[in-house]
Amino acid sequence: MKTAIKRKLLVHLFQKQEGRCCYCERYVILSYRWRDQQRPDAATIEHLKRRADGGTDHPDNLAMSCKDCNDSRQEIDWLTYRSLKRGEFQEFVRSVDHGARAAE
Protein backbone atom coordinates (compact mmCIF):
# COMPACT_ATOMS: atom_id res chain seq x y z
CA MET A 1 0.00 0.00 0.00
CA LYS A 2 1.42 3.40 -0.96
CA THR A 3 2.41 5.71 1.89
CA ALA A 4 -0.03 8.51 0.96
CA ILE A 5 -2.97 6.10 0.79
CA LYS A 6 -1.92 4.43 4.04
CA ARG A 7 -1.74 7.80 5.83
CA LYS A 8 -5.21 8.85 4.61
CA LEU A 9 -6.63 5.50 5.65
CA LEU A 10 -5.02 5.72 9.08
CA VAL A 11 -6.46 9.20 9.65
CA HIS A 12 -9.89 7.96 8.53
CA LEU A 13 -9.74 4.97 10.91
CA PHE A 14 -8.45 7.20 13.73
CA GLN A 15 -11.49 9.46 13.34
CA LYS A 16 -13.93 6.57 12.89
CA GLN A 17 -12.68 4.79 16.03
CA GLU A 18 -12.35 8.02 18.02
CA GLY A 19 -8.61 7.48 18.51
CA ARG A 20 -8.97 4.11 20.25
CA CYS A 21 -7.46 0.70 19.54
CA CYS A 22 -9.97 -1.77 18.09
CA TYR A 23 -8.83 -4.41 20.59
CA CYS A 24 -7.91 -2.91 23.96
CA GLU A 25 -9.69 0.46 23.49
CA ARG A 26 -6.63 2.39 24.69
CA TYR A 27 -6.05 5.79 23.10
CA VAL A 28 -3.39 5.68 20.40
CA ILE A 29 -1.08 8.32 19.00
CA LEU A 30 -1.08 9.24 15.36
CA SER A 31 2.33 10.32 14.12
CA TYR A 32 4.40 10.02 10.98
CA ARG A 33 7.73 10.22 12.84
CA TRP A 34 9.51 6.86 12.85
CA ARG A 35 10.43 7.13 16.54
CA ASP A 36 6.78 7.70 17.54
CA GLN A 37 5.64 4.80 15.36
CA GLN A 38 7.72 2.44 17.51
CA ARG A 39 5.80 3.28 20.70
CA PRO A 40 3.41 0.60 22.03
CA ASP A 41 0.52 3.08 21.75
CA ALA A 42 1.26 4.07 18.14
CA ALA A 43 -1.63 3.76 15.66
CA THR A 44 -1.26 0.93 13.13
CA ILE A 45 -3.48 -0.47 10.41
CA GLU A 46 -4.74 -3.92 11.33
CA HIS A 47 -6.13 -6.55 8.97
CA LEU A 48 -9.04 -8.14 10.83
CA LYS A 49 -8.79 -11.25 8.69
CA ARG A 50 -5.05 -11.70 8.33
CA ARG A 51 -3.60 -11.61 4.83
CA ALA A 52 -1.97 -14.96 5.63
CA ASP A 53 -5.51 -16.34 6.03
CA GLY A 54 -6.77 -14.80 2.77
CA GLY A 55 -7.67 -11.33 4.08
CA THR A 56 -7.48 -8.35 1.75
CA ASP A 57 -6.76 -4.63 1.92
CA HIS A 58 -10.48 -3.91 1.47
CA PRO A 59 -11.63 -1.18 3.90
CA ASP A 60 -14.13 -3.57 5.51
CA ASN A 61 -11.20 -5.75 6.58
CA LEU A 62 -9.15 -2.92 8.12
CA ALA A 63 -9.17 -1.33 11.55
CA MET A 64 -6.79 0.71 13.65
CA SER A 65 -4.99 -0.88 16.56
CA CYS A 66 -2.17 0.09 18.87
CA LYS A 67 1.24 -1.29 17.93
CA ASP A 68 1.27 -3.44 21.06
CA CYS A 69 -1.94 -5.28 20.08
CA ASN A 70 -0.96 -5.49 16.41
CA ASP A 71 2.40 -7.06 17.28
CA SER A 72 1.01 -9.54 19.80
CA ARG A 73 -2.13 -10.86 18.07
CA GLN A 74 -0.29 -13.51 16.02
CA GLU A 75 -2.65 -16.11 14.49
CA ILE A 76 -5.61 -15.55 16.82
CA ASP A 77 -8.75 -14.41 15.00
CA TRP A 78 -9.60 -10.75 15.66
CA LEU A 79 -12.82 -11.29 17.62
CA THR A 80 -11.28 -13.82 20.00
CA TYR A 81 -8.26 -11.56 20.50
CA ARG A 82 -10.52 -8.59 21.21
CA SER A 83 -12.40 -10.60 23.85
CA LEU A 84 -9.12 -11.69 25.44
CA LYS A 85 -7.76 -8.13 25.57
CA ARG A 86 -10.93 -6.80 27.15
CA GLY A 87 -11.11 -9.55 29.77
CA GLU A 88 -14.46 -10.85 28.56
CA PHE A 89 -13.46 -14.52 28.83
CA GLN A 90 -12.28 -14.11 32.42
CA GLU A 91 -15.51 -12.31 33.29
CA PHE A 92 -17.55 -15.14 31.72
CA VAL A 93 -15.59 -17.82 33.61
CA ARG A 94 -16.09 -15.94 36.89
CA SER A 95 -19.84 -15.66 36.29
CA VAL A 96 -20.14 -19.38 35.45
CA ASP A 97 -18.05 -20.31 38.50
CA HIS A 98 -20.17 -18.03 40.70
CA GLY A 99 -23.38 -19.56 39.30
CA ALA A 100 -22.10 -23.08 39.96
CA ARG A 101 -21.25 -22.21 43.56
CA ALA A 102 -24.66 -20.65 44.11
CA ALA A 103 -26.34 -23.84 42.83
CA GLU A 104 -24.55 -26.01 45.43
PDB file of N, CA and C in Angstrom:
ATOM      1  N   MET A   1       0.858  -1.174   0.000  1.00  0.00           N
ATOM      2  CA  MET A   1       0.000   0.000   0.000  1.00  0.00           C
ATOM      3  C   MET A   1       0.904   1.237   0.000  1.00  0.00           C
ATOM      4  N   LYS A   2       0.613   2.187  -0.863  1.00  0.00           N
ATOM      5  CA  LYS A   2       1.417   3.400  -0.963  1.00  0.00           C
ATOM      6  C   LYS A   2       1.287   4.236   0.306  1.00  0.00           C
ATOM      7  N   THR A   3       2.348   4.942   0.646  1.00  0.00           N
ATOM      8  CA  THR A   3       2.405   5.710   1.890  1.00  0.00           C
ATOM      9  C   THR A   3       1.286   6.740   1.986  1.00  0.00           C
ATOM     10  N   ALA A   4       1.016   7.473   0.922  1.00  0.00           N
ATOM     11  CA  ALA A   4      -0.026   8.510   0.958  1.00  0.00           C
ATOM     12  C   ALA A   4      -1.401   7.902   1.212  1.00  0.00           C
ATOM     13  N   ILE A   5      -1.684   6.784   0.593  1.00  0.00           N
ATOM     14  CA  ILE A   5      -2.972   6.102   0.791  1.00  0.00           C
ATOM     15  C   ILE A   5      -3.052   5.567   2.213  1.00  0.00           C
ATOM     16  N   LYS A   6      -1.961   4.991   2.681  1.00  0.00           N
ATOM     17  CA  LYS A   6      -1.922   4.434   4.036  1.00  0.00           C
ATOM     18  C   LYS A   6      -2.161   5.535   5.071  1.00  0.00           C
ATOM     19  N   ARG A   7      -1.561   6.694   4.885  1.00  0.00           N
ATOM     20  CA  ARG A   7      -1.739   7.801   5.825  1.00  0.00           C
ATOM     21  C   ARG A   7      -3.191   8.283   5.849  1.00  0.00           C
ATOM     22  N   LYS A   8      -3.797   8.422   4.670  1.00  0.00           N
ATOM     23  CA  LYS A   8      -5.206   8.847   4.607  1.00  0.00           C
ATOM     24  C   LYS A   8      -6.109   7.828   5.294  1.00  0.00           C
ATOM     25  N   LEU A   9      -5.848   6.562   5.041  1.00  0.00           N
ATOM     26  CA  LEU A   9      -6.633   5.496   5.648  1.00  0.00           C
ATOM     27  C   LEU A   9      -6.488   5.512   7.164  1.00  0.00           C
ATOM     28  N   LEU A  10      -5.267   5.699   7.643  1.00  0.00           N
ATOM     29  CA  LEU A  10      -5.021   5.719   9.082  1.00  0.00           C
ATOM     30  C   LEU A  10      -5.747   6.892   9.745  1.00  0.00           C
ATOM     31  N   VAL A  11      -5.733   8.043   9.109  1.00  0.00           N
ATOM     32  CA  VAL A  11      -6.460   9.205   9.646  1.00  0.00           C
ATOM     33  C   VAL A  11      -7.955   8.918   9.663  1.00  0.00           C
ATOM     34  N   HIS A  12      -8.465   8.310   8.593  1.00  0.00           N
ATOM     35  CA  HIS A  12      -9.893   7.962   8.529  1.00  0.00           C
ATOM     36  C   HIS A  12     -10.267   6.995   9.657  1.00  0.00           C
ATOM     37  N   LEU A  13      -9.463   5.946   9.853  1.00  0.00           N
ATOM     38  CA  LEU A  13      -9.739   4.973  10.910  1.00  0.00           C
ATOM     39  C   LEU A  13      -9.611   5.610  12.293  1.00  0.00           C
ATOM     40  N   PHE A  14      -8.634   6.492  12.458  1.00  0.00           N
ATOM     41  CA  PHE A  14      -8.446   7.197  13.726  1.00  0.00           C
ATOM     42  C   PHE A  14      -9.715   7.980  14.080  1.00  0.00           C
ATOM     43  N   GLN A  15     -10.265   8.692  13.107  1.00  0.00           N
ATOM     44  CA  GLN A  15     -11.491   9.461  13.341  1.00  0.00           C
ATOM     45  C   GLN A  15     -12.681   8.538  13.578  1.00  0.00           C
ATOM     46  N   LYS A  16     -12.812   7.507  12.782  1.00  0.00           N
ATOM     47  CA  LYS A  16     -13.931   6.566  12.886  1.00  0.00           C
ATOM     48  C   LYS A  16     -13.960   5.869  14.251  1.00  0.00           C
ATOM     49  N   GLN A  17     -12.779   5.512  14.767  1.00  0.00           N
ATOM     50  CA  GLN A  17     -12.682   4.786  16.032  1.00  0.00           C
ATOM     51  C   GLN A  17     -12.414   5.722  17.213  1.00  0.00           C
ATOM     52  N   GLU A  18     -12.520   7.005  16.976  1.00  0.00           N
ATOM     53  CA  GLU A  18     -12.345   8.020  18.021  1.00  0.00           C
ATOM     54  C   GLU A  18     -11.006   7.882  18.740  1.00  0.00           C
ATOM     55  N   GLY A  19      -9.960   7.532  17.980  1.00  0.00           N
ATOM     56  CA  GLY A  19      -8.608   7.482  18.512  1.00  0.00           C
ATOM     57  C   GLY A  19      -8.313   6.301  19.415  1.00  0.00           C
ATOM     58  N   ARG A  20      -9.143   5.265  19.360  1.00  0.00           N
ATOM     59  CA  ARG A  20      -8.966   4.108  20.252  1.00  0.00           C
ATOM     60  C   ARG A  20      -8.622   2.845  19.469  1.00  0.00           C
ATOM     61  N   CYS A  21      -7.835   1.997  20.104  1.00  0.00           N
ATOM     62  CA  CYS A  21      -7.465   0.699  19.536  1.00  0.00           C
ATOM     63  C   CYS A  21      -8.716  -0.171  19.407  1.00  0.00           C
ATOM     64  N   CYS A  22      -8.804  -0.901  18.314  1.00  0.00           N
ATOM     65  CA  CYS A  22      -9.973  -1.765  18.089  1.00  0.00           C
ATOM     66  C   CYS A  22      -9.996  -2.970  19.030  1.00  0.00           C
ATOM     67  N   TYR A  23      -8.895  -3.266  19.689  1.00  0.00           N
ATOM     68  CA  TYR A  23      -8.827  -4.409  20.590  1.00  0.00           C
ATOM     69  C   TYR A  23      -8.935  -4.002  22.059  1.00  0.00           C
ATOM     70  N   CYS A  24      -7.980  -3.214  22.521  1.00  0.00           N
ATOM     71  CA  CYS A  24      -7.909  -2.908  23.957  1.00  0.00           C
ATOM     72  C   CYS A  24      -8.585  -1.579  24.320  1.00  0.00           C
ATOM     73  N   GLU A  25      -9.010  -0.822  23.327  1.00  0.00           N
ATOM     74  CA  GLU A  25      -9.694   0.465  23.486  1.00  0.00           C
ATOM     75  C   GLU A  25      -8.829   1.559  24.119  1.00  0.00           C
ATOM     76  N   ARG A  26      -7.515   1.352  24.165  1.00  0.00           N
ATOM     77  CA  ARG A  26      -6.632   2.394  24.689  1.00  0.00           C
ATOM     78  C   ARG A  26      -6.487   3.465  23.609  1.00  0.00           C
ATOM     79  N   TYR A  27      -6.295   4.705  24.041  1.00  0.00           N
ATOM     80  CA  TYR A  27      -6.051   5.786  23.096  1.00  0.00           C
ATOM     81  C   TYR A  27      -4.698   5.579  22.440  1.00  0.00           C
ATOM     82  N   VAL A  28      -4.628   5.836  21.153  1.00  0.00           N
ATOM     83  CA  VAL A  28      -3.395   5.676  20.401  1.00  0.00           C
ATOM     84  C   VAL A  28      -2.891   7.042  19.945  1.00  0.00           C
ATOM     85  N   ILE A  29      -1.624   7.081  19.562  1.00  0.00           N
ATOM     86  CA  ILE A  29      -1.077   8.316  19.005  1.00  0.00           C
ATOM     87  C   ILE A  29      -0.965   8.152  17.499  1.00  0.00           C
ATOM     88  N   LEU A  30      -1.166   9.229  16.808  1.00  0.00           N
ATOM     89  CA  LEU A  30      -1.081   9.239  15.357  1.00  0.00           C
ATOM     90  C   LEU A  30       0.084  10.142  14.992  1.00  0.00           C
ATOM     91  N   SER A  31       1.132   9.553  14.460  1.00  0.00           N
ATOM     92  CA  SER A  31       2.326  10.322  14.119  1.00  0.00           C
ATOM     93  C   SER A  31       2.997   9.690  12.911  1.00  0.00           C
ATOM     94  N   TYR A  32       3.677  10.521  12.141  1.00  0.00           N
ATOM     95  CA  TYR A  32       4.404  10.018  10.984  1.00  0.00           C
ATOM     96  C   TYR A  32       5.899   9.953  11.263  1.00  0.00           C
ATOM     97  N   ARG A  33       6.314  10.318  12.463  1.00  0.00           N
ATOM     98  CA  ARG A  33       7.726  10.217  12.842  1.00  0.00           C
ATOM     99  C   ARG A  33       8.041   8.766  13.179  1.00  0.00           C
ATOM    100  N   TRP A  34       9.138   8.255  12.647  1.00  0.00           N
ATOM    101  CA  TRP A  34       9.508   6.865  12.849  1.00  0.00           C
ATOM    102  C   TRP A  34       9.623   6.518  14.325  1.00  0.00           C
ATOM    103  N   ARG A  35      10.239   7.384  15.105  1.00  0.00           N
ATOM    104  CA  ARG A  35      10.427   7.126  16.538  1.00  0.00           C
ATOM    105  C   ARG A  35       9.074   6.952  17.246  1.00  0.00           C
ATOM    106  N   ASP A  36       8.115   7.800  16.922  1.00  0.00           N
ATOM    107  CA  ASP A  36       6.785   7.696  17.537  1.00  0.00           C
ATOM    108  C   ASP A  36       6.058   6.432  17.094  1.00  0.00           C
ATOM    109  N   GLN A  37       6.304   5.999  15.874  1.00  0.00           N
ATOM    110  CA  GLN A  37       5.640   4.804  15.359  1.00  0.00           C
ATOM    111  C   GLN A  37       6.131   3.522  16.033  1.00  0.00           C
ATOM    112  N   GLN A  38       7.205   3.605  16.800  1.00  0.00           N
ATOM    113  CA  GLN A  38       7.724   2.441  17.513  1.00  0.00           C
ATOM    114  C   GLN A  38       7.148   2.312  18.922  1.00  0.00           C
ATOM    115  N   ARG A  39       6.408   3.318  19.360  1.00  0.00           N
ATOM    116  CA  ARG A  39       5.804   3.279  20.696  1.00  0.00           C
ATOM    117  C   ARG A  39       4.701   2.225  20.740  1.00  0.00           C
ATOM    118  N   PRO A  40       4.473   1.612  21.916  1.00  0.00           N
ATOM    119  CA  PRO A  40       3.413   0.598  22.035  1.00  0.00           C
ATOM    120  C   PRO A  40       2.015   1.163  21.772  1.00  0.00           C
ATOM    121  N   ASP A  41       1.831   2.469  21.963  1.00  0.00           N
ATOM    122  CA  ASP A  41       0.518   3.078  21.747  1.00  0.00           C
ATOM    123  C   ASP A  41       0.405   3.782  20.395  1.00  0.00           C
ATOM    124  N   ALA A  42       1.305   3.472  19.471  1.00  0.00           N
ATOM    125  CA  ALA A  42       1.256   4.067  18.135  1.00  0.00           C
ATOM    126  C   ALA A  42       0.139   3.434  17.313  1.00  0.00           C
ATOM    127  N   ALA A  43      -0.546   4.245  16.523  1.00  0.00           N
ATOM    128  CA  ALA A  43      -1.629   3.760  15.662  1.00  0.00           C
ATOM    129  C   ALA A  43      -1.057   2.940  14.508  1.00  0.00           C
ATOM    130  N   THR A  44      -1.643   1.779  14.258  1.00  0.00           N
ATOM    131  CA  THR A  44      -1.261   0.930  13.133  1.00  0.00           C
ATOM    132  C   THR A  44      -2.524   0.460  12.424  1.00  0.00           C
ATOM    133  N   ILE A  45      -2.357   0.091  11.167  1.00  0.00           N
ATOM    134  CA  ILE A  45      -3.478  -0.474  10.414  1.00  0.00           C
ATOM    135  C   ILE A  45      -3.468  -1.981  10.636  1.00  0.00           C
ATOM    136  N   GLU A  46      -4.603  -2.502  11.018  1.00  0.00           N
ATOM    137  CA  GLU A  46      -4.741  -3.924  11.334  1.00  0.00           C
ATOM    138  C   GLU A  46      -5.676  -4.594  10.335  1.00  0.00           C
ATOM    139  N   HIS A  47      -5.260  -5.728   9.813  1.00  0.00           N
ATOM    140  CA  HIS A  47      -6.132  -6.554   8.969  1.00  0.00           C
ATOM    141  C   HIS A  47      -6.922  -7.462   9.905  1.00  0.00           C
ATOM    142  N   LEU A  48      -8.224  -7.315   9.940  1.00  0.00           N
ATOM    143  CA  LEU A  48      -9.039  -8.136  10.829  1.00  0.00           C
ATOM    144  C   LEU A  48      -8.912  -9.608  10.450  1.00  0.00           C
ATOM    145  N   LYS A  49      -9.100  -9.910   9.181  1.00  0.00           N
ATOM    146  CA  LYS A  49      -8.789 -11.253   8.686  1.00  0.00           C
ATOM    147  C   LYS A  49      -7.385 -11.134   8.107  1.00  0.00           C
ATOM    148  N   ARG A  50      -6.445 -11.821   8.721  1.00  0.00           N
ATOM    149  CA  ARG A  50      -5.051 -11.697   8.332  1.00  0.00           C
ATOM    150  C   ARG A  50      -4.839 -12.025   6.854  1.00  0.00           C
ATOM    151  N   ARG A  51      -3.910 -11.323   6.235  1.00  0.00           N
ATOM    152  CA  ARG A  51      -3.599 -11.608   4.834  1.00  0.00           C
ATOM    153  C   ARG A  51      -3.123 -13.049   4.674  1.00  0.00           C
ATOM    154  N   ALA A  52      -2.428 -13.569   5.676  1.00  0.00           N
ATOM    155  CA  ALA A  52      -1.966 -14.965   5.634  1.00  0.00           C
ATOM    156  C   ALA A  52      -3.141 -15.938   5.579  1.00  0.00           C
ATOM    157  N   ASP A  53      -4.307 -15.495   6.048  1.00  0.00           N
ATOM    158  CA  ASP A  53      -5.507 -16.336   6.030  1.00  0.00           C
ATOM    159  C   ASP A  53      -6.450 -15.962   4.893  1.00  0.00           C
ATOM    160  N   GLY A  54      -5.964 -15.182   3.930  1.00  0.00           N
ATOM    161  CA  GLY A  54      -6.775 -14.802   2.774  1.00  0.00           C
ATOM    162  C   GLY A  54      -7.441 -13.444   2.892  1.00  0.00           C
ATOM    163  N   GLY A  55      -7.106 -12.669   3.926  1.00  0.00           N
ATOM    164  CA  GLY A  55      -7.669 -11.331   4.080  1.00  0.00           C
ATOM    165  C   GLY A  55      -7.125 -10.377   3.032  1.00  0.00           C
ATOM    166  N   THR A  56      -7.858  -9.319   2.776  1.00  0.00           N
ATOM    167  CA  THR A  56      -7.477  -8.346   1.746  1.00  0.00           C
ATOM    168  C   THR A  56      -7.276  -6.966   2.367  1.00  0.00           C
ATOM    169  N   ASP A  57      -6.905  -6.023   1.507  1.00  0.00           N
ATOM    170  CA  ASP A  57      -6.763  -4.626   1.925  1.00  0.00           C
ATOM    171  C   ASP A  57      -8.076  -3.859   1.761  1.00  0.00           C
ATOM    172  N   HIS A  58      -9.170  -4.563   1.597  1.00  0.00           N
ATOM    173  CA  HIS A  58     -10.479  -3.905   1.467  1.00  0.00           C
ATOM    174  C   HIS A  58     -10.787  -3.162   2.768  1.00  0.00           C
ATOM    175  N   PRO A  59     -11.338  -1.956   2.691  1.00  0.00           N
ATOM    176  CA  PRO A  59     -11.629  -1.179   3.900  1.00  0.00           C
ATOM    177  C   PRO A  59     -12.460  -1.907   4.953  1.00  0.00           C
ATOM    178  N   ASP A  60     -13.324  -2.818   4.538  1.00  0.00           N
ATOM    179  CA  ASP A  60     -14.129  -3.570   5.506  1.00  0.00           C
ATOM    180  C   ASP A  60     -13.286  -4.539   6.339  1.00  0.00           C
ATOM    181  N   ASN A  61     -12.073  -4.819   5.885  1.00  0.00           N
ATOM    182  CA  ASN A  61     -11.198  -5.754   6.584  1.00  0.00           C
ATOM    183  C   ASN A  61     -10.120  -5.025   7.390  1.00  0.00           C
ATOM    184  N   LEU A  62     -10.191  -3.701   7.457  1.00  0.00           N
ATOM    185  CA  LEU A  62      -9.153  -2.923   8.121  1.00  0.00           C
ATOM    186  C   LEU A  62      -9.694  -2.197   9.340  1.00  0.00           C
ATOM    187  N   ALA A  63      -8.858  -2.093  10.338  1.00  0.00           N
ATOM    188  CA  ALA A  63      -9.175  -1.333  11.547  1.00  0.00           C
ATOM    189  C   ALA A  63      -7.869  -0.740  12.063  1.00  0.00           C
ATOM    190  N   MET A  64      -7.968   0.123  13.047  1.00  0.00           N
ATOM    191  CA  MET A  64      -6.786   0.713  13.649  1.00  0.00           C
ATOM    192  C   MET A  64      -6.566   0.069  15.004  1.00  0.00           C
ATOM    193  N   SER A  65      -5.328  -0.325  15.256  1.00  0.00           N
ATOM    194  CA  SER A  65      -4.986  -0.885  16.560  1.00  0.00           C
ATOM    195  C   SER A  65      -3.698  -0.245  17.050  1.00  0.00           C
ATOM    196  N   CYS A  66      -3.449  -0.378  18.338  1.00  0.00           N
ATOM    197  CA  CYS A  66      -2.172   0.090  18.865  1.00  0.00           C
ATOM    198  C   CYS A  66      -1.088  -0.899  18.415  1.00  0.00           C
ATOM    199  N   LYS A  67       0.132  -0.446  18.367  1.00  0.00           N
ATOM    200  CA  LYS A  67       1.242  -1.294  17.926  1.00  0.00           C
ATOM    201  C   LYS A  67       1.384  -2.515  18.825  1.00  0.00           C
ATOM    202  N   ASP A  68       1.161  -2.326  20.106  1.00  0.00           N
ATOM    203  CA  ASP A  68       1.272  -3.437  21.055  1.00  0.00           C
ATOM    204  C   ASP A  68       0.310  -4.572  20.692  1.00  0.00           C
ATOM    205  N   CYS A  69      -0.952  -4.254  20.451  1.00  0.00           N
ATOM    206  CA  CYS A  69      -1.939  -5.284  20.083  1.00  0.00           C
ATOM    207  C   CYS A  69      -1.629  -5.874  18.710  1.00  0.00           C
ATOM    208  N   ASN A  70      -1.263  -5.022  17.763  1.00  0.00           N
ATOM    209  CA  ASN A  70      -0.965  -5.486  16.411  1.00  0.00           C
ATOM    210  C   ASN A  70       0.198  -6.475  16.424  1.00  0.00           C
ATOM    211  N   ASP A  71       1.219  -6.185  17.217  1.00  0.00           N
ATOM    212  CA  ASP A  71       2.396  -7.059  17.276  1.00  0.00           C
ATOM    213  C   ASP A  71       2.133  -8.363  18.026  1.00  0.00           C
ATOM    214  N   SER A  72       1.192  -8.359  18.958  1.00  0.00           N
ATOM    215  CA  SER A  72       1.011  -9.545  19.803  1.00  0.00           C
ATOM    216  C   SER A  72      -0.158 -10.446  19.401  1.00  0.00           C
ATOM    217  N   ARG A  73      -0.964 -10.057  18.451  1.00  0.00           N
ATOM    218  CA  ARG A  73      -2.135 -10.857  18.070  1.00  0.00           C
ATOM    219  C   ARG A  73      -1.768 -12.220  17.491  1.00  0.00           C
ATOM    220  N   GLN A  74      -0.754 -12.280  16.682  1.00  0.00           N
ATOM    221  CA  GLN A  74      -0.288 -13.505  16.025  1.00  0.00           C
ATOM    222  C   GLN A  74      -1.398 -14.136  15.188  1.00  0.00           C
ATOM    223  N   GLU A  75      -1.679 -15.443  15.353  1.00  0.00           N
ATOM    224  CA  GLU A  75      -2.651 -16.114  14.489  1.00  0.00           C
ATOM    225  C   GLU A  75      -4.054 -16.183  15.071  1.00  0.00           C
ATOM    226  N   ILE A  76      -4.279 -15.532  16.190  1.00  0.00           N
ATOM    227  CA  ILE A  76      -5.606 -15.548  16.818  1.00  0.00           C
ATOM    228  C   ILE A  76      -6.569 -14.708  15.980  1.00  0.00           C
ATOM    229  N   ASP A  77      -7.790 -15.200  15.774  1.00  0.00           N
ATOM    230  CA  ASP A  77      -8.752 -14.405  15.004  1.00  0.00           C
ATOM    231  C   ASP A  77      -9.087 -13.134  15.785  1.00  0.00           C
ATOM    232  N   TRP A  78      -9.476 -12.088  15.063  1.00  0.00           N
ATOM    233  CA  TRP A  78      -9.597 -10.753  15.655  1.00  0.00           C
ATOM    234  C   TRP A  78     -10.645 -10.687  16.751  1.00  0.00           C
ATOM    235  N   LEU A  79     -11.753 -11.385  16.619  1.00  0.00           N
ATOM    236  CA  LEU A  79     -12.819 -11.293  17.620  1.00  0.00           C
ATOM    237  C   LEU A  79     -12.422 -11.992  18.920  1.00  0.00           C
ATOM    238  N   THR A  80     -11.770 -13.127  18.811  1.00  0.00           N
ATOM    239  CA  THR A  80     -11.276 -13.821  20.001  1.00  0.00           C
ATOM    240  C   THR A  80     -10.223 -12.971  20.697  1.00  0.00           C
ATOM    241  N   TYR A  81      -9.315 -12.389  19.921  1.00  0.00           N
ATOM    242  CA  TYR A  81      -8.263 -11.560  20.499  1.00  0.00           C
ATOM    243  C   TYR A  81      -8.855 -10.339  21.207  1.00  0.00           C
ATOM    244  N   ARG A  82      -9.850  -9.745  20.597  1.00  0.00           N
ATOM    245  CA  ARG A  82     -10.519  -8.586  21.208  1.00  0.00           C
ATOM    246  C   ARG A  82     -11.135  -8.975  22.556  1.00  0.00           C
ATOM    247  N   SER A  83     -11.796 -10.132  22.601  1.00  0.00           N
ATOM    248  CA  SER A  83     -12.404 -10.602  23.851  1.00  0.00           C
ATOM    249  C   SER A  83     -11.347 -10.870  24.912  1.00  0.00           C
ATOM    250  N   LEU A  84     -10.222 -11.440  24.504  1.00  0.00           N
ATOM    251  CA  LEU A  84      -9.119 -11.687  25.444  1.00  0.00           C
ATOM    252  C   LEU A  84      -8.569 -10.382  26.006  1.00  0.00           C
ATOM    253  N   LYS A  85      -8.330  -9.413  25.139  1.00  0.00           N
ATOM    254  CA  LYS A  85      -7.756  -8.133  25.566  1.00  0.00           C
ATOM    255  C   LYS A  85      -8.688  -7.376  26.507  1.00  0.00           C
ATOM    256  N   ARG A  86      -9.962  -7.529  26.322  1.00  0.00           N
ATOM    257  CA  ARG A  86     -10.935  -6.804  27.153  1.00  0.00           C
ATOM    258  C   ARG A  86     -11.344  -7.573  28.399  1.00  0.00           C
ATOM    259  N   GLY A  87     -10.816  -8.773  28.583  1.00  0.00           N
ATOM    260  CA  GLY A  87     -11.107  -9.547  29.774  1.00  0.00           C
ATOM    261  C   GLY A  87     -12.483 -10.180  29.778  1.00  0.00           C
ATOM    262  N   GLU A  88     -13.106 -10.303  28.622  1.00  0.00           N
ATOM    263  CA  GLU A  88     -14.465 -10.846  28.562  1.00  0.00           C
ATOM    264  C   GLU A  88     -14.503 -12.335  28.893  1.00  0.00           C
ATOM    265  N   PHE A  89     -13.484 -13.087  28.512  1.00  0.00           N
ATOM    266  CA  PHE A  89     -13.460 -14.518  28.830  1.00  0.00           C
ATOM    267  C   PHE A  89     -13.337 -14.735  30.330  1.00  0.00           C
ATOM    268  N   GLN A  90     -12.463 -13.973  30.974  1.00  0.00           N
ATOM    269  CA  GLN A  90     -12.280 -14.113  32.415  1.00  0.00           C
ATOM    270  C   GLN A  90     -13.570 -13.754  33.150  1.00  0.00           C
ATOM    271  N   GLU A  91     -14.243 -12.727  32.679  1.00  0.00           N
ATOM    272  CA  GLU A  91     -15.512 -12.312  33.286  1.00  0.00           C
ATOM    273  C   GLU A  91     -16.556 -13.418  33.137  1.00  0.00           C
ATOM    274  N   PHE A  92     -16.603 -14.051  31.966  1.00  0.00           N
ATOM    275  CA  PHE A  92     -17.550 -15.135  31.720  1.00  0.00           C
ATOM    276  C   PHE A  92     -17.254 -16.323  32.641  1.00  0.00           C
ATOM    277  N   VAL A  93     -15.977 -16.692  32.749  1.00  0.00           N
ATOM    278  CA  VAL A  93     -15.593 -17.819  33.609  1.00  0.00           C
ATOM    279  C   VAL A  93     -15.960 -17.533  35.055  1.00  0.00           C
ATOM    280  N   ARG A  94     -15.717 -16.307  35.514  1.00  0.00           N
ATOM    281  CA  ARG A  94     -16.088 -15.943  36.895  1.00  0.00           C
ATOM    282  C   ARG A  94     -17.591 -16.049  37.102  1.00  0.00           C
ATOM    283  N   SER A  95     -18.378 -15.612  36.127  1.00  0.00           N
ATOM    284  CA  SER A  95     -19.836 -15.664  36.286  1.00  0.00           C
ATOM    285  C   SER A  95     -20.330 -17.105  36.294  1.00  0.00           C
ATOM    286  N   VAL A  96     -19.750 -17.973  35.470  1.00  0.00           N
ATOM    287  CA  VAL A  96     -20.142 -19.381  35.450  1.00  0.00           C
ATOM    288  C   VAL A  96     -19.750 -20.040  36.767  1.00  0.00           C
ATOM    289  N   ASP A  97     -18.543 -19.746  37.239  1.00  0.00           N
ATOM    290  CA  ASP A  97     -18.054 -20.311  38.499  1.00  0.00           C
ATOM    291  C   ASP A  97     -18.937 -19.838  39.661  1.00  0.00           C
ATOM    292  N   HIS A  98     -19.310 -18.567  39.634  1.00  0.00           N
ATOM    293  CA  HIS A  98     -20.170 -18.030  40.696  1.00  0.00           C
ATOM    294  C   HIS A  98     -21.556 -18.689  40.662  1.00  0.00           C
ATOM    295  N   GLY A  99     -22.086 -18.895  39.449  1.00  0.00           N
ATOM    296  CA  GLY A  99     -23.377 -19.557  39.304  1.00  0.00           C
ATOM    297  C   GLY A  99     -23.339 -20.995  39.786  1.00  0.00           C
ATOM    298  N   ALA A 100     -22.234 -21.689  39.519  1.00  0.00           N
ATOM    299  CA  ALA A 100     -22.096 -23.080  39.964  1.00  0.00           C
ATOM    300  C   ALA A 100     -22.024 -23.157  41.481  1.00  0.00           C
ATOM    301  N   ARG A 101     -21.337 -22.217  42.086  1.00  0.00           N
ATOM    302  CA  ARG A 101     -21.249 -22.213  43.559  1.00  0.00           C
ATOM    303  C   ARG A 101     -22.594 -21.903  44.197  1.00  0.00           C
ATOM    304  N   ALA A 102     -23.364 -21.020  43.570  1.00  0.00           N
ATOM    305  CA  ALA A 102     -24.658 -20.655  44.105  1.00  0.00           C
ATOM    306  C   ALA A 102     -25.639 -21.830  44.027  1.00  0.00           C
ATOM    307  N   ALA A 103     -25.448 -22.700  43.041  1.00  0.00           N
ATOM    308  CA  ALA A 103     -26.338 -23.839  42.832  1.00  0.00           C
ATOM    309  C   ALA A 103     -26.063 -24.958  43.845  1.00  0.00           C
ATOM    310  N   GLU A 104     -24.890 -24.927  44.465  1.00  0.00           N
ATOM    311  CA  GLU A 104     -24.547 -26.005  45.435  1.00  0.00           C
ATOM    312  C   GLU A 104     -25.316 -25.916  46.696  1.00  0.00           C
TER     313      GLU A 104
END
